[in-house]
Amino acid sequence: MKLPIHLNALKAFEASARHQSFSAAAEELNVTPAAVGQLVRTLEEWLDTPLFHRTNSGKIRLMPTETAERALPDIRAGFDKLSQGLELLQQSPTCGILTVTVSPAFAAKWLLPRLDRFQTLCPDTDVRLDTNLKPIDFAIQRVDIGVRYGTGNWQGLVAEKLMDEEVFPVCSPRLFEQPERLSLPEQLLQETLIHDLSMDEHTRFPTWSAWLEKAGVEKHQSAHNIQINNSAAVLQTAIDGGGIALARSVMVKDDLAAGRLVRLFPEFQFESPLAYFVVYKPESTELAKTQMFRDWLFTEAIR
């Protein structure tokens, strides 16, 4: 099989199947829709089988055949491997750009304050941060490695547990100066509670209700509530005296050490069912810069 001469046709086929449109595929590939259509027809003729069901009406006018659907995962995996190979040709093993994906809050509260130590360790590697709350496609976005928060199951990625964590209430030192105000967990309900909505779609994400139940508080309705969808902003609101936050130990570690926040009720231990994981594509083990960053993350986690 003389595969190289059909690479452009395979690219046109894959893009057309993903977009379900020759026009959208043409825009991505920077060619005309007619050129995409011709490439796909050439591939169909060579294979002697149709790859799409075509219709003249409806929102979706291009649907891959059953045969095409079965082949697409392997074709996409092949393109991923080609991209990985090209990166190896273009870059030396320890140099170049390293694209890292983390959440905005993890970047602000944990990674960025420590990143200069990696730059000192690997001065020839430039780190490009992709801060995103939602999981992204490592192949399409050309991501080398990332840190994700969850249970450790992400399709197509190696996931190694980096850090477990606790959750506990924190407040500003100014608020803590009134010990009688916060001597019992029940008294939290008279305060403004700051709720972290950044992982609201995850049913196992620790909540105020879960912590209060662990502490033996029967009623969970507080007098005032603030809801924020960014973990770093939750902590900053608590630092500013805006209320009491349910902090995650990894995120709040530096703020506690610096005295910007104080932990409340340390006698109640509540381990989060979620954890931080280093994630990367299986083939990234071949890239020295990726493995160097992975090893550095684990070193930082135990400091």
C-alpha atoms as a PDB file:
ATOM      1  CA  MET A   1       0.000   0.000   0.000  1.00  0.00           C
ATOM      2  CA  LYS A   2       1.472   3.341  -1.083  1.00  0.00           C
ATOM      3  CA  LEU A   3       0.050   5.183   1.919  1.00  0.00           C
ATOM      4  CA  PRO A   4       2.008   8.484   1.713  1.00  0.00           C
ATOM      5  CA  ILE A   5       0.260   9.547  -1.498  1.00  0.00           C
ATOM      6  CA  HIS A   6      -3.082   9.271   0.297  1.00  0.00           C
ATOM      7  CA  LEU A   7      -2.140  11.292   3.431  1.00  0.00           C
ATOM      8  CA  ASN A   8      -3.877  14.442   2.180  1.00  0.00           C
ATOM      9  CA  ALA A   9      -6.961  12.410   1.297  1.00  0.00           C
ATOM     10  CA  LEU A  10      -6.949  10.820   4.760  1.00  0.00           C
ATOM     11  CA  LYS A  11      -6.649  14.269   6.366  1.00  0.00           C
ATOM     12  CA  ALA A  12      -9.585  15.498   4.277  1.00  0.00           C
ATOM     13  CA  PHE A  13     -11.623  12.421   5.227  1.00  0.00           C
ATOM     14  CA  GLU A  14     -10.865  12.732   8.959  1.00  0.00           C
ATOM     15  CA  ALA A  15     -11.632  16.461   9.077  1.00  0.00           C
ATOM     16  CA  SER A  16     -14.849  15.999   7.076  1.00  0.00           C
ATOM     17  CA  ALA A  17     -15.998  13.227   9.408  1.00  0.00           C
ATOM     18  CA  ARG A  18     -15.220  15.305  12.500  1.00  0.00           C
ATOM     19  CA  HIS A  19     -17.032  18.402  11.208  1.00  0.00           C
ATOM     20  CA  GLN A  20     -19.670  16.467   9.225  1.00  0.00           C
ATOM     21  CA  SER A  21     -19.085  19.038   6.515  1.00  0.00           C
ATOM     22  CA  PHE A  22     -16.761  19.494   3.530  1.00  0.00           C
ATOM     23  CA  SER A  23     -16.943  23.275   3.983  1.00  0.00           C
ATOM     24  CA  ALA A  24     -15.866  23.227   7.643  1.00  0.00           C
ATOM     25  CA  ALA A  25     -13.110  20.735   6.830  1.00  0.00           C
ATOM     26  CA  ALA A  26     -11.933  22.992   4.000  1.00  0.00           C
ATOM     27  CA  GLU A  27     -11.733  25.965   6.374  1.00  0.00           C
ATOM     28  CA  GLU A  28      -9.615  23.947   8.817  1.00  0.00           C
ATOM     29  CA  LEU A  29      -7.301  22.641   6.069  1.00  0.00           C
ATOM     30  CA  ASN A  30      -7.128  26.003   4.282  1.00  0.00           C
ATOM     31  CA  VAL A  31      -8.330  24.642   0.925  1.00  0.00           C
ATOM     32  CA  THR A  32     -11.607  24.865  -1.004  1.00  0.00           C
ATOM     33  CA  PRO A  33     -14.631  22.637  -0.262  1.00  0.00           C
ATOM     34  CA  ALA A  34     -14.355  21.314  -3.825  1.00  0.00           C
ATOM     35  CA  ALA A  35     -10.773  20.211  -3.136  1.00  0.00           C
ATOM     36  CA  VAL A  36     -11.834  18.404   0.039  1.00  0.00           C
ATOM     37  CA  GLY A  37     -14.661  16.685  -1.791  1.00  0.00           C
ATOM     38  CA  GLN A  38     -12.330  15.588  -4.579  1.00  0.00           C
ATOM     39  CA  LEU A  39      -9.780  14.198  -2.113  1.00  0.00           C
ATOM     40  CA  VAL A  40     -12.478  12.194  -0.343  1.00  0.00           C
ATOM     41  CA  ARG A  41     -13.843  10.861  -3.643  1.00  0.00           C
ATOM     42  CA  THR A  42     -10.320   9.864  -4.692  1.00  0.00           C
ATOM     43  CA  LEU A  43      -9.933   7.906  -1.451  1.00  0.00           C
ATOM     44  CA  GLU A  44     -13.351   6.259  -1.905  1.00  0.00           C
ATOM     45  CA  GLU A  45     -12.438   5.223  -5.458  1.00  0.00           C
ATOM     46  CA  TRP A  46      -9.115   3.794  -4.332  1.00  0.00           C
ATOM     47  CA  LEU A  47     -10.784   1.871  -1.496  1.00  0.00           C
ATOM     48  CA  ASP A  48     -13.748   0.954  -3.697  1.00  0.00           C
ATOM     49  CA  THR A  49     -16.173   1.782  -0.870  1.00  0.00           C
ATOM     50  CA  PRO A  50     -18.208   4.862   0.131  1.00  0.00           C
ATOM     51  CA  LEU A  51     -17.068   6.699   3.264  1.00  0.00           C
ATOM     52  CA  PHE A  52     -20.055   9.016   3.781  1.00  0.00           C
ATOM     53  CA  HIS A  53     -23.809   9.043   3.514  1.00  0.00           C
ATOM     54  CA  ARG A  54     -24.620  12.277   1.657  1.00  0.00           C
ATOM     55  CA  THR A  55     -27.989  14.068   1.847  1.00  0.00           C
ATOM     56  CA  ASN A  56     -29.282  17.257   0.249  1.00  0.00           C
ATOM     57  CA  SER A  57     -31.394  18.441   3.184  1.00  0.00           C
ATOM     58  CA  GLY A  58     -31.293  18.705   6.963  1.00  0.00           C
ATOM     59  CA  LYS A  59     -28.716  20.186   9.312  1.00  0.00           C
ATOM     60  CA  ILE A  60     -26.293  17.284   8.918  1.00  0.00           C
ATOM     61  CA  ARG A  61     -25.638  16.455   5.280  1.00  0.00           C
ATOM     62  CA  LEU A  62     -22.533  14.339   5.695  1.00  0.00           C
ATOM     63  CA  MET A  63     -22.495  11.232   7.901  1.00  0.00           C
ATOM     64  CA  PRO A  64     -19.663   8.669   8.001  1.00  0.00           C
ATOM     65  CA  THR A  65     -20.617   5.145   7.007  1.00  0.00           C
ATOM     66  CA  GLU A  66     -20.349   2.315   9.541  1.00  0.00           C
ATOM     67  CA  THR A  67     -17.093   1.215   7.923  1.00  0.00           C
ATOM     68  CA  ALA A  68     -15.702   4.752   8.155  1.00  0.00           C
ATOM     69  CA  GLU A  69     -16.683   5.042  11.835  1.00  0.00           C
ATOM     70  CA  ARG A  70     -14.766   1.848  12.625  1.00  0.00           C
ATOM     71  CA  ALA A  71     -11.645   3.119  10.870  1.00  0.00           C
ATOM     72  CA  LEU A  72     -11.597   6.691  12.208  1.00  0.00           C
ATOM     73  CA  PRO A  73     -10.119   5.969  15.692  1.00  0.00           C
ATOM     74  CA  ASP A  74      -7.083   4.242  14.161  1.00  0.00           C
ATOM     75  CA  ILE A  75      -6.632   6.987  11.557  1.00  0.00           C
ATOM     76  CA  ARG A  76      -6.752   9.680  14.263  1.00  0.00           C
ATOM     77  CA  ALA A  77      -4.307   7.723  16.402  1.00  0.00           C
ATOM     78  CA  GLY A  78      -2.025   7.497  13.373  1.00  0.00           C
ATOM     79  CA  PHE A  79      -2.063  11.256  12.872  1.00  0.00           C
ATOM     80  CA  ASP A  80      -1.303  11.722  16.579  1.00  0.00           C
ATOM     81  CA  LYS A  81       1.736   9.451  16.248  1.00  0.00           C
ATOM     82  CA  LEU A  82       2.903  11.334  13.147  1.00  0.00           C
ATOM     83  CA  SER A  83       2.650  14.635  15.036  1.00  0.00           C
ATOM     84  CA  GLN A  84       4.600  13.157  17.925  1.00  0.00           C
ATOM     85  CA  GLY A  85       7.294  11.944  15.536  1.00  0.00           C
ATOM     86  CA  LEU A  86       7.594  15.350  13.902  1.00  0.00           C
ATOM     87  CA  GLU A  87       8.025  16.956  17.327  1.00  0.00           C
ATOM     88  CA  LEU A  88      10.855  14.549  18.055  1.00  0.00           C
ATOM     89  CA  LEU A  89      12.518  15.513  14.782  1.00  0.00           C
ATOM     90  CA  GLN A  90      12.094  19.246  15.385  1.00  0.00           C
ATOM     91  CA  GLN A  91      13.254  19.391  18.984  1.00  0.00           C
ATOM     92  CA  SER A  92      16.166  18.142  20.985  1.00  0.00           C
ATOM     93  CA  PRO A  93      15.120  15.802  23.820  1.00  0.00           C
ATOM     94  CA  THR A  94      15.365  18.363  26.609  1.00  0.00           C
ATOM     95  CA  CYS A  95      14.704  21.654  24.821  1.00  0.00           C
ATOM     96  CA  GLY A  96      11.837  23.477  23.188  1.00  0.00           C
ATOM     97  CA  ILE A  97       8.336  24.412  24.289  1.00  0.00           C
ATOM     98  CA  LEU A  98       6.508  22.332  26.891  1.00  0.00           C
ATOM     99  CA  THR A  99       2.724  22.834  26.852  1.00  0.00           C
ATOM    100  CA  VAL A 100       1.157  22.214  30.265  1.00  0.00           C
ATOM    101  CA  THR A 101      -2.578  22.223  31.019  1.00  0.00           C
ATOM    102  CA  VAL A 102      -3.902  22.988  34.518  1.00  0.00           C
ATOM    103  CA  SER A 103      -6.930  24.746  35.974  1.00  0.00           C
ATOM    104  CA  PRO A 104      -6.659  28.537  36.456  1.00  0.00           C
ATOM    105  CA  ALA A 105      -6.858  28.133  40.246  1.00  0.00           C
ATOM    106  CA  PHE A 106      -4.190  25.407  40.417  1.00  0.00           C
ATOM    107  CA  ALA A 107      -1.932  27.586  38.278  1.00  0.00           C
ATOM    108  CA  ALA A 108      -2.400  30.616  40.522  1.00  0.00           C
ATOM    109  CA  LYS A 109      -2.261  28.939  43.942  1.00  0.00           C
ATOM    110  CA  TRP A 110       0.236  26.107  43.406  1.00  0.00           C
ATOM    111  CA  LEU A 111       2.077  25.877  40.099  1.00  0.00           C
ATOM    112  CA  LEU A 112       3.109  29.441  39.271  1.00  0.00           C
ATOM    113  CA  PRO A 113       4.699  30.202  42.679  1.00  0.00           C
ATOM    114  CA  ARG A 114       6.967  27.161  42.140  1.00  0.00           C
ATOM    115  CA  LEU A 115       7.574  27.284  38.397  1.00  0.00           C
ATOM    116  CA  ASP A 116      10.787  29.279  38.625  1.00  0.00           C
ATOM    117  CA  ARG A 117      12.439  26.224  40.195  1.00  0.00           C
ATOM    118  CA  PHE A 118      11.645  24.166  37.090  1.00  0.00           C
ATOM    119  CA  GLN A 119      12.974  26.949  34.854  1.00  0.00           C
ATOM    120  CA  THR A 120      16.214  26.906  36.856  1.00  0.00           C
ATOM    121  CA  LEU A 121      16.395  23.122  36.508  1.00  0.00           C
ATOM    122  CA  CYS A 122      15.619  23.183  32.752  1.00  0.00           C
ATOM    123  CA  PRO A 123      16.612  26.625  31.414  1.00  0.00           C
ATOM    124  CA  ASP A 124      16.332  25.505  27.769  1.00  0.00           C
ATOM    125  CA  THR A 125      12.658  24.532  28.099  1.00  0.00           C
ATOM    126  CA  ASP A 126       9.976  27.194  27.715  1.00  0.00           C
ATOM    127  CA  VAL A 127       6.730  26.391  29.540  1.00  0.00           C
ATOM    128  CA  ARG A 128       3.452  27.313  27.849  1.00  0.00           C
ATOM    129  CA  LEU A 129       0.513  27.158  30.273  1.00  0.00           C
ATOM    130  CA  ASP A 130      -2.972  26.305  29.060  1.00  0.00           C
ATOM    131  CA  THR A 131      -5.322  27.157  31.948  1.00  0.00           C
ATOM    132  CA  ASN A 132      -8.678  25.550  31.403  1.00  0.00           C
ATOM    133  CA  LEU A 133     -11.422  24.318  33.730  1.00  0.00           C
ATOM    134  CA  LYS A 134     -12.674  21.788  31.204  1.00  0.00           C
ATOM    135  CA  PRO A 135     -10.700  18.761  29.994  1.00  0.00           C
ATOM    136  CA  ILE A 136      -9.152  19.342  26.575  1.00  0.00           C
ATOM    137  CA  ASP A 137      -7.981  17.056  23.799  1.00  0.00           C
ATOM    138  CA  PHE A 138      -4.228  16.618  24.276  1.00  0.00           C
ATOM    139  CA  ALA A 139      -3.659  15.695  20.631  1.00  0.00           C
ATOM    140  CA  ILE A 140      -5.672  18.497  19.043  1.00  0.00           C
ATOM    141  CA  GLN A 141      -4.368  21.168  21.444  1.00  0.00           C
ATOM    142  CA  ARG A 142      -0.821  19.709  21.290  1.00  0.00           C
ATOM    143  CA  VAL A 143      -0.562  19.442  25.076  1.00  0.00           C
ATOM    144  CA  ASP A 144       2.426  17.584  26.533  1.00  0.00           C
ATOM    145  CA  ILE A 145       1.393  17.112  30.166  1.00  0.00           C
ATOM    146  CA  GLY A 146      -1.114  18.374  32.692  1.00  0.00           C
ATOM    147  CA  VAL A 147      -2.496  18.203  36.209  1.00  0.00           C
ATOM    148  CA  ARG A 148      -6.151  17.294  36.667  1.00  0.00           C
ATOM    149  CA  TYR A 149      -8.380  17.011  39.720  1.00  0.00           C
ATOM    150  CA  GLY A 150     -10.691  14.013  39.953  1.00  0.00           C
ATOM    151  CA  THR A 151     -10.760  10.261  40.392  1.00  0.00           C
ATOM    152  CA  GLY A 152      -7.945   9.433  37.954  1.00  0.00           C
ATOM    153  CA  ASN A 153      -9.890   8.165  34.959  1.00  0.00           C
ATOM    154  CA  TRP A 154      -9.405  10.088  31.718  1.00  0.00           C
ATOM    155  CA  GLN A 155      -9.699   8.202  28.469  1.00  0.00           C
ATOM    156  CA  GLY A 156      -6.504   7.894  26.458  1.00  0.00           C
ATOM    157  CA  LEU A 157      -4.272   9.412  29.157  1.00  0.00           C
ATOM    158  CA  VAL A 158      -1.850   8.002  31.695  1.00  0.00           C
ATOM    159  CA  ALA A 159      -2.869   9.290  35.157  1.00  0.00           C
ATOM    160  CA  GLU A 160      -0.493   9.176  38.136  1.00  0.00           C
ATOM    161  CA  LYS A 161      -1.678  10.407  41.530  1.00  0.00           C
ATOM    162  CA  LEU A 162       0.265  13.495  42.529  1.00  0.00           C
ATOM    163  CA  MET A 163      -1.405  14.660  45.752  1.00  0.00           C
ATOM    164  CA  ASP A 164      -4.296  13.772  48.032  1.00  0.00           C
ATOM    165  CA  GLU A 165      -5.896  16.544  50.019  1.00  0.00           C
ATOM    166  CA  GLU A 166      -8.077  17.498  52.965  1.00  0.00           C
ATOM    167  CA  VAL A 167     -10.869  20.039  53.044  1.00  0.00           C
ATOM    168  CA  PHE A 168     -11.436  22.335  56.029  1.00  0.00           C
ATOM    169  CA  PRO A 169     -12.808  25.792  56.919  1.00  0.00           C
ATOM    170  CA  VAL A 170     -10.489  28.796  56.818  1.00  0.00           C
ATOM    171  CA  CYS A 171     -10.922  32.473  57.572  1.00  0.00           C
ATOM    172  CA  SER A 172      -8.878  35.641  57.758  1.00  0.00           C
ATOM    173  CA  PRO A 173      -6.755  36.183  60.915  1.00  0.00           C
ATOM    174  CA  ARG A 174      -8.869  39.285  61.652  1.00  0.00           C
ATOM    175  CA  LEU A 175     -12.008  37.186  61.951  1.00  0.00           C
ATOM    176  CA  PHE A 176     -10.151  34.594  64.028  1.00  0.00           C
ATOM    177  CA  GLU A 177      -9.284  37.280  66.604  1.00  0.00           C
ATOM    178  CA  GLN A 178     -12.790  36.750  68.053  1.00  0.00           C
ATOM    179  CA  PRO A 179     -12.441  33.135  69.334  1.00  0.00           C
ATOM    180  CA  GLU A 180     -15.863  33.080  71.005  1.00  0.00           C
ATOM    181  CA  ARG A 181     -17.405  33.733  67.599  1.00  0.00           C
ATOM    182  CA  LEU A 182     -16.087  30.465  66.143  1.00  0.00           C
ATOM    183  CA  SER A 183     -15.686  28.088  69.053  1.00  0.00           C
ATOM    184  CA  LEU A 184     -18.188  25.498  67.792  1.00  0.00           C
ATOM    185  CA  PRO A 185     -18.898  24.187  64.279  1.00  0.00           C
ATOM    186  CA  GLU A 186     -22.582  25.136  64.697  1.00  0.00           C
ATOM    187  CA  GLN A 187     -21.560  28.787  64.845  1.00  0.00           C
ATOM    188  CA  LEU A 188     -20.399  28.627  61.222  1.00  0.00           C
ATOM    189  CA  LEU A 189     -24.062  28.815  60.205  1.00  0.00           C
ATOM    190  CA  GLN A 190     -24.231  32.372  61.562  1.00  0.00           C
ATOM    191  CA  GLU A 191     -21.407  33.431  59.269  1.00  0.00           C
ATOM    192  CA  THR A 192     -21.109  34.037  55.530  1.00  0.00           C
ATOM    193  CA  LEU A 193     -20.038  30.756  53.948  1.00  0.00           C
ATOM    194  CA  ILE A 194     -18.143  30.896  50.663  1.00  0.00           C
ATOM    195  CA  HIS A 195     -19.017  28.027  48.307  1.00  0.00           C
ATOM    196  CA  ASP A 196     -16.656  26.744  45.591  1.00  0.00           C
ATOM    197  CA  LEU A 197     -18.602  25.934  42.405  1.00  0.00           C
ATOM    198  CA  SER A 198     -15.561  25.236  40.207  1.00  0.00           C
ATOM    199  CA  MET A 199     -16.247  21.477  40.228  1.00  0.00           C
ATOM    200  CA  ASP A 200     -20.002  21.699  40.712  1.00  0.00           C
ATOM    201  CA  GLU A 201     -20.689  19.086  38.034  1.00  0.00           C
ATOM    202  CA  HIS A 202     -18.636  16.475  39.947  1.00  0.00           C
ATOM    203  CA  THR A 203     -20.926  14.740  42.436  1.00  0.00           C
ATOM    204  CA  ARG A 204     -18.023  13.742  44.714  1.00  0.00           C
ATOM    205  CA  PHE A 205     -16.609  17.255  45.056  1.00  0.00           C
ATOM    206  CA  PRO A 206     -16.520  18.204  48.787  1.00  0.00           C
ATOM    207  CA  THR A 207     -19.216  20.696  49.833  1.00  0.00           C
ATOM    208  CA  TRP A 208     -20.070  22.670  52.938  1.00  0.00           C
ATOM    209  CA  SER A 209     -22.987  20.318  53.617  1.00  0.00           C
ATOM    210  CA  ALA A 210     -20.644  17.312  53.589  1.00  0.00           C
ATOM    211  CA  TRP A 211     -18.153  18.976  55.956  1.00  0.00           C
ATOM    212  CA  LEU A 212     -20.872  20.170  58.366  1.00  0.00           C
ATOM    213  CA  GLU A 213     -22.350  16.676  58.470  1.00  0.00           C
ATOM    214  CA  LYS A 214     -18.891  15.263  59.234  1.00  0.00           C
ATOM    215  CA  ALA A 215     -18.586  17.776  62.076  1.00  0.00           C
ATOM    216  CA  GLY A 216     -21.928  16.683  63.524  1.00  0.00           C
ATOM    217  CA  VAL A 217     -23.921  19.767  62.575  1.00  0.00           C
ATOM    218  CA  GLU A 218     -27.498  18.712  61.826  1.00  0.00           C
ATOM    219  CA  LYS A 219     -28.691  21.819  59.992  1.00  0.00           C
ATOM    220  CA  HIS A 220     -26.649  22.991  57.011  1.00  0.00           C
ATOM    221  CA  GLN A 221     -28.382  26.261  56.053  1.00  0.00           C
ATOM    222  CA  SER A 222     -26.171  29.257  56.780  1.00  0.00           C
ATOM    223  CA  ALA A 223     -27.294  32.837  57.338  1.00  0.00           C
ATOM    224  CA  HIS A 224     -25.423  34.156  54.286  1.00  0.00           C
ATOM    225  CA  ASN A 225     -23.768  32.517  51.280  1.00  0.00           C
ATOM    226  CA  ILE A 226     -21.410  33.526  48.488  1.00  0.00           C
ATOM    227  CA  GLN A 227     -20.995  31.211  45.495  1.00  0.00           C
ATOM    228  CA  ILE A 228     -17.869  31.456  43.312  1.00  0.00           C
ATOM    229  CA  ASN A 229     -16.768  29.218  40.419  1.00  0.00           C
ATOM    230  CA  ASN A 230     -13.012  29.693  40.910  1.00  0.00           C
ATOM    231  CA  SER A 231     -11.090  28.112  43.807  1.00  0.00           C
ATOM    232  CA  ALA A 232      -8.455  30.867  43.890  1.00  0.00           C
ATOM    233  CA  ALA A 233     -11.163  33.538  44.089  1.00  0.00           C
ATOM    234  CA  VAL A 234     -12.842  31.600  46.921  1.00  0.00           C
ATOM    235  CA  LEU A 235      -9.641  31.822  48.971  1.00  0.00           C
ATOM    236  CA  GLN A 236      -9.041  35.462  48.072  1.00  0.00           C
ATOM    237  CA  THR A 237     -12.545  36.363  49.276  1.00  0.00           C
ATOM    238  CA  ALA A 238     -11.772  34.683  52.596  1.00  0.00           C
ATOM    239  CA  ILE A 239      -8.407  36.488  52.816  1.00  0.00           C
ATOM    240  CA  ASP A 240     -10.243  39.782  52.281  1.00  0.00           C
ATOM    241  CA  GLY A 241     -12.596  38.985  55.180  1.00  0.00           C
ATOM    242  CA  GLY A 242     -15.619  38.289  53.014  1.00  0.00           C
ATOM    243  CA  GLY A 243     -16.551  35.081  54.821  1.00  0.00           C
ATOM    244  CA  ILE A 244     -15.412  31.584  55.692  1.00  0.00           C
ATOM    245  CA  ALA A 245     -14.219  29.307  52.898  1.00  0.00           C
ATOM    246  CA  LEU A 246     -14.112  25.537  52.703  1.00  0.00           C
ATOM    247  CA  ALA A 247     -10.498  25.267  51.614  1.00  0.00           C
ATOM    248  CA  ARG A 248      -8.674  22.501  49.793  1.00  0.00           C
ATOM    249  CA  SER A 249      -5.343  21.813  51.498  1.00  0.00           C
ATOM    250  CA  VAL A 250      -3.256  21.859  48.295  1.00  0.00           C
ATOM    251  CA  MET A 251      -4.671  25.209  47.186  1.00  0.00           C
ATOM    252  CA  VAL A 252      -4.457  26.877  50.597  1.00  0.00           C
ATOM    253  CA  LYS A 253      -1.028  25.612  51.711  1.00  0.00           C
ATOM    254  CA  ASP A 254       0.912  28.789  50.876  1.00  0.00           C
ATOM    255  CA  ASP A 255      -1.783  31.089  52.315  1.00  0.00           C
ATOM    256  CA  LEU A 256      -1.720  29.217  55.633  1.00  0.00           C
ATOM    257  CA  ALA A 257       2.080  29.260  55.765  1.00  0.00           C
ATOM    258  CA  ALA A 258       2.132  33.013  55.084  1.00  0.00           C
ATOM    259  CA  GLY A 259      -0.529  33.723  57.718  1.00  0.00           C
ATOM    260  CA  ARG A 260      -3.032  35.097  55.228  1.00  0.00           C
ATOM    261  CA  LEU A 261      -5.568  32.496  56.375  1.00  0.00           C
ATOM    262  CA  VAL A 262      -6.186  30.458  59.537  1.00  0.00           C
ATOM    263  CA  ARG A 263      -7.520  26.898  59.686  1.00  0.00           C
ATOM    264  CA  LEU A 264     -10.635  26.391  61.821  1.00  0.00           C
ATOM    265  CA  PHE A 265     -11.565  23.235  63.766  1.00  0.00           C
ATOM    266  CA  PRO A 266      -8.455  21.173  62.960  1.00  0.00           C
ATOM    267  CA  GLU A 267      -9.823  18.376  65.152  1.00  0.00           C
ATOM    268  CA  PHE A 268     -12.204  17.415  62.338  1.00  0.00           C
ATOM    269  CA  GLN A 269     -10.416  15.490  59.573  1.00  0.00           C
ATOM    270  CA  PHE A 270     -12.167  15.329  56.199  1.00  0.00           C
ATOM    271  CA  GLU A 271     -10.241  13.683  53.354  1.00  0.00           C
ATOM    272  CA  SER A 272     -11.396  14.628  49.870  1.00  0.00           C
ATOM    273  CA  PRO A 273     -12.478  11.683  47.681  1.00  0.00           C
ATOM    274  CA  LEU A 274     -10.818  13.482  44.767  1.00  0.00           C
ATOM    275  CA  ALA A 275      -7.105  14.012  44.166  1.00  0.00           C
ATOM    276  CA  TYR A 276      -4.607  15.678  41.832  1.00  0.00           C
ATOM    277  CA  PHE A 277      -3.185  13.567  39.005  1.00  0.00           C
ATOM    278  CA  VAL A 278      -0.352  14.114  36.548  1.00  0.00           C
ATOM    279  CA  VAL A 279      -1.758  13.230  33.133  1.00  0.00           C
ATOM    280  CA  TYR A 280      -0.096  12.732  29.743  1.00  0.00           C
ATOM    281  CA  LYS A 281      -0.409  10.702  26.563  1.00  0.00           C
ATOM    282  CA  PRO A 282       1.269   7.247  26.710  1.00  0.00           C
ATOM    283  CA  GLU A 283       3.657   8.182  23.900  1.00  0.00           C
ATOM    284  CA  SER A 284       4.880  11.235  25.855  1.00  0.00           C
ATOM    285  CA  THR A 285       7.126   8.931  27.860  1.00  0.00           C
ATOM    286  CA  GLU A 286       9.443   9.165  24.849  1.00  0.00           C
ATOM    287  CA  LEU A 287       9.914  12.923  25.357  1.00  0.00           C
ATOM    288  CA  ALA A 288      12.597  13.748  27.915  1.00  0.00           C
ATOM    289  CA  LYS A 289      11.230  17.251  28.579  1.00  0.00           C
ATOM    290  CA  THR A 290       7.821  15.787  29.500  1.00  0.00           C
ATOM    291  CA  GLN A 291       9.311  13.264  31.879  1.00  0.00           C
ATOM    292  CA  MET A 292      11.560  15.910  33.435  1.00  0.00           C
ATOM    293  CA  PHE A 293       8.505  18.054  34.183  1.00  0.00           C
ATOM    294  CA  ARG A 294       6.640  15.014  35.512  1.00  0.00           C
ATOM    295  CA  ASP A 295       9.520  14.156  37.878  1.00  0.00           C
ATOM    296  CA  TRP A 296       9.773  17.791  38.978  1.00  0.00           C
ATOM    297  CA  LEU A 297       6.045  17.879  39.854  1.00  0.00           C
ATOM    298  CA  PHE A 298       6.444  14.866  42.143  1.00  0.00           C
ATOM    299  CA  THR A 299       9.488  16.451  43.793  1.00  0.00           C
ATOM    300  CA  GLU A 300       7.537  19.658  44.461  1.00  0.00           C
ATOM    301  CA  ALA A 301       4.559  17.739  45.832  1.00  0.00           C
ATOM    302  CA  ILE A 302       6.600  16.339  48.731  1.00  0.00           C
ATOM    303  CA  ARG A 303       8.383  19.584  49.670  1.00  0.00           C
END
